[in-house]
Amino acid sequence: MPKPPVKKIPLDFDRSVFINCPFDNKYLPLFRAIIFTIHDMGFRARCALEASNAGNVRIDRFRTLLPSANTAFTTCHVPSWTKTHRLPRFNMPLELGLDLGSKKFGKEHEQEKVVLVMDIERFRYQRFISDISG
């Protein structure tokens, strides 16, 4: 009788936290505080910065890293603006969407993810990402 397939869950999935936040100098103190807190609580912080292959675009890094973490931590912020067209950049909502999609449509272990969205004002993100409120 054939053996049932073995679930391939990343080794440290239950103890990994994926951080989705800006990486510019303005947010560096917040990023460091988040990293410190995650590690102090015994978890492993994961983020797009750990993938050093410049040949991979950032969205591919998300695709690789998101399935490896049980918890996702996203900080919302005032969007930066493109210089040429004065349009907002929507990287953070896009990246949050990738993680929510992973939770909804990913492998069985990914569907158990916990997602935390933080913003400077309570429920502010629901005004510009209205579908997230259900």
Protein backbone atom coordinates (compact mmCIF):
# COMPACT_ATOMS: atom_id res chain seq x y z
CA MET A 1 0.00 0.00 0.00
CA PRO A 2 1.48 3.42 -0.95
CA LYS A 3 2.42 5.82 1.81
CA PRO A 4 0.36 9.02 2.08
CA PRO A 5 2.21 12.11 0.85
CA VAL A 6 4.20 13.93 3.50
CA LYS A 7 3.22 17.56 4.09
CA LYS A 8 6.16 19.81 3.30
CA ILE A 9 5.92 22.51 5.93
CA PRO A 10 8.97 24.75 6.35
CA LEU A 11 10.97 23.66 9.38
CA ASP A 12 10.46 26.83 11.42
CA PHE A 13 7.04 27.81 9.99
CA ASP A 14 5.28 28.02 13.38
CA ARG A 15 7.97 30.29 14.85
CA SER A 16 8.49 32.61 11.85
CA VAL A 17 7.02 36.08 11.42
CA PHE A 18 7.06 37.79 8.03
CA ILE A 19 7.55 41.56 8.31
CA ASN A 20 6.17 43.82 5.62
CA CYS A 21 7.16 47.41 6.30
CA PRO A 22 9.04 50.26 4.64
CA PHE A 23 12.80 49.86 4.67
CA ASP A 24 13.78 53.51 4.29
CA ASN A 25 15.67 55.47 6.96
CA LYS A 26 12.52 57.11 8.34
CA TYR A 27 11.13 53.72 9.41
CA LEU A 28 14.43 52.13 10.44
CA PRO A 29 13.85 52.64 14.21
CA LEU A 30 10.39 51.00 13.94
CA PHE A 31 11.81 48.15 11.85
CA ARG A 32 14.56 47.54 14.42
CA ALA A 33 12.02 47.59 17.29
CA ILE A 34 9.84 45.06 15.47
CA ILE A 35 12.83 42.77 14.82
CA PHE A 36 13.95 43.03 18.45
CA THR A 37 10.49 42.26 19.80
CA ILE A 38 9.97 39.28 17.50
CA HIS A 39 13.33 37.76 18.43
CA ASP A 40 12.90 38.55 22.13
CA MET A 41 9.64 36.58 22.08
CA GLY A 42 11.45 33.57 20.64
CA PHE A 43 10.30 33.92 17.04
CA ARG A 44 12.29 34.30 13.81
CA ALA A 45 11.82 37.48 11.80
CA ARG A 46 11.66 37.12 8.02
CA CYS A 47 11.56 39.91 5.43
CA ALA A 48 12.39 40.67 1.81
CA LEU A 49 15.78 42.09 2.85
CA GLU A 50 17.12 38.65 3.72
CA ALA A 51 17.07 37.55 0.07
CA SER A 52 20.23 39.07 -1.33
CA ASN A 53 19.89 37.96 -4.95
CA ALA A 54 19.62 41.21 -6.88
CA GLY A 55 18.41 39.19 -9.86
CA ASN A 56 15.11 38.54 -8.09
CA VAL A 57 12.60 41.34 -8.07
CA ARG A 58 11.07 42.08 -4.69
CA ILE A 59 7.70 40.52 -5.48
CA ASP A 60 9.46 37.22 -6.21
CA ARG A 61 11.12 37.43 -2.80
CA PHE A 62 7.67 37.75 -1.23
CA ARG A 63 6.46 34.74 -3.17
CA THR A 64 9.38 32.73 -1.79
CA LEU A 65 9.26 33.98 1.81
CA LEU A 66 5.52 34.23 2.52
CA PRO A 67 4.93 30.46 2.64
CA SER A 68 7.73 30.12 5.20
CA ALA A 69 6.09 32.13 8.00
CA ASN A 70 3.00 31.42 10.10
CA THR A 71 2.48 35.05 11.09
CA ALA A 72 2.47 38.14 8.88
CA PHE A 73 3.07 41.59 10.27
CA THR A 74 2.27 44.58 8.04
CA THR A 75 2.69 48.23 8.93
CA CYS A 76 0.65 50.71 6.93
CA HIS A 77 1.98 54.19 6.40
CA VAL A 78 1.40 57.33 4.43
CA PRO A 79 2.16 56.28 0.86
CA SER A 80 5.21 57.63 -0.85
CA TRP A 81 4.65 59.40 -4.13
CA THR A 82 6.15 58.81 -7.53
CA LYS A 83 8.22 61.79 -8.67
CA THR A 84 7.13 61.94 -12.29
CA HIS A 85 3.35 61.48 -12.05
CA ARG A 86 2.60 62.43 -8.41
CA LEU A 87 0.71 59.16 -7.95
CA PRO A 88 0.88 57.19 -4.71
CA ARG A 89 2.88 53.98 -4.57
CA PHE A 90 0.78 51.06 -3.41
CA ASN A 91 3.49 48.54 -2.54
CA MET A 92 2.29 47.92 1.02
CA PRO A 93 -1.35 47.14 0.08
CA LEU A 94 -0.14 44.92 -2.79
CA GLU A 95 2.21 43.02 -0.48
CA LEU A 96 -0.52 42.68 2.16
CA GLY A 97 -2.79 41.32 -0.58
CA LEU A 98 -0.20 38.70 -1.46
CA ASP A 99 -0.11 37.56 2.14
CA LEU A 100 -3.90 37.52 2.49
CA GLY A 101 -4.07 35.56 -0.77
CA SER A 102 -1.52 33.11 0.63
CA LYS A 103 -3.70 32.69 3.71
CA LYS A 104 -6.87 32.18 1.69
CA PHE A 105 -5.60 30.14 -1.27
CA GLY A 106 -2.25 28.73 -0.15
CA LYS A 107 -1.34 25.29 1.02
CA GLU A 108 -3.10 23.86 4.07
CA HIS A 109 -0.46 25.05 6.52
CA GLU A 110 -0.47 28.56 4.97
CA GLN A 111 -4.21 28.88 5.55
CA GLU A 112 -3.53 28.80 9.30
CA LYS A 113 -1.56 32.06 9.12
CA VAL A 114 -2.20 34.95 11.46
CA VAL A 115 -2.12 38.41 9.86
CA LEU A 116 -1.62 41.59 11.87
CA VAL A 117 -2.04 45.00 10.22
CA MET A 118 -0.75 48.02 12.14
CA ASP A 119 -1.37 51.65 11.32
CA ILE A 120 -0.82 54.96 13.10
CA GLU A 121 -4.57 55.53 13.36
CA ARG A 122 -7.04 52.83 14.34
CA PHE A 123 -8.89 51.38 11.30
CA ARG A 124 -7.42 54.03 8.96
CA TYR A 125 -6.23 51.39 6.52
CA GLN A 126 -9.85 50.29 6.04
CA ARG A 127 -10.55 53.64 4.31
CA PHE A 128 -8.01 53.02 1.56
CA ILE A 129 -8.26 49.20 1.51
CA SER A 130 -12.00 48.98 2.11
CA ASP A 131 -12.31 45.32 1.05
CA ILE A 132 -10.19 44.23 4.01
CA SER A 133 -13.02 45.04 6.44
CA GLY A 134 -15.16 42.24 5.04
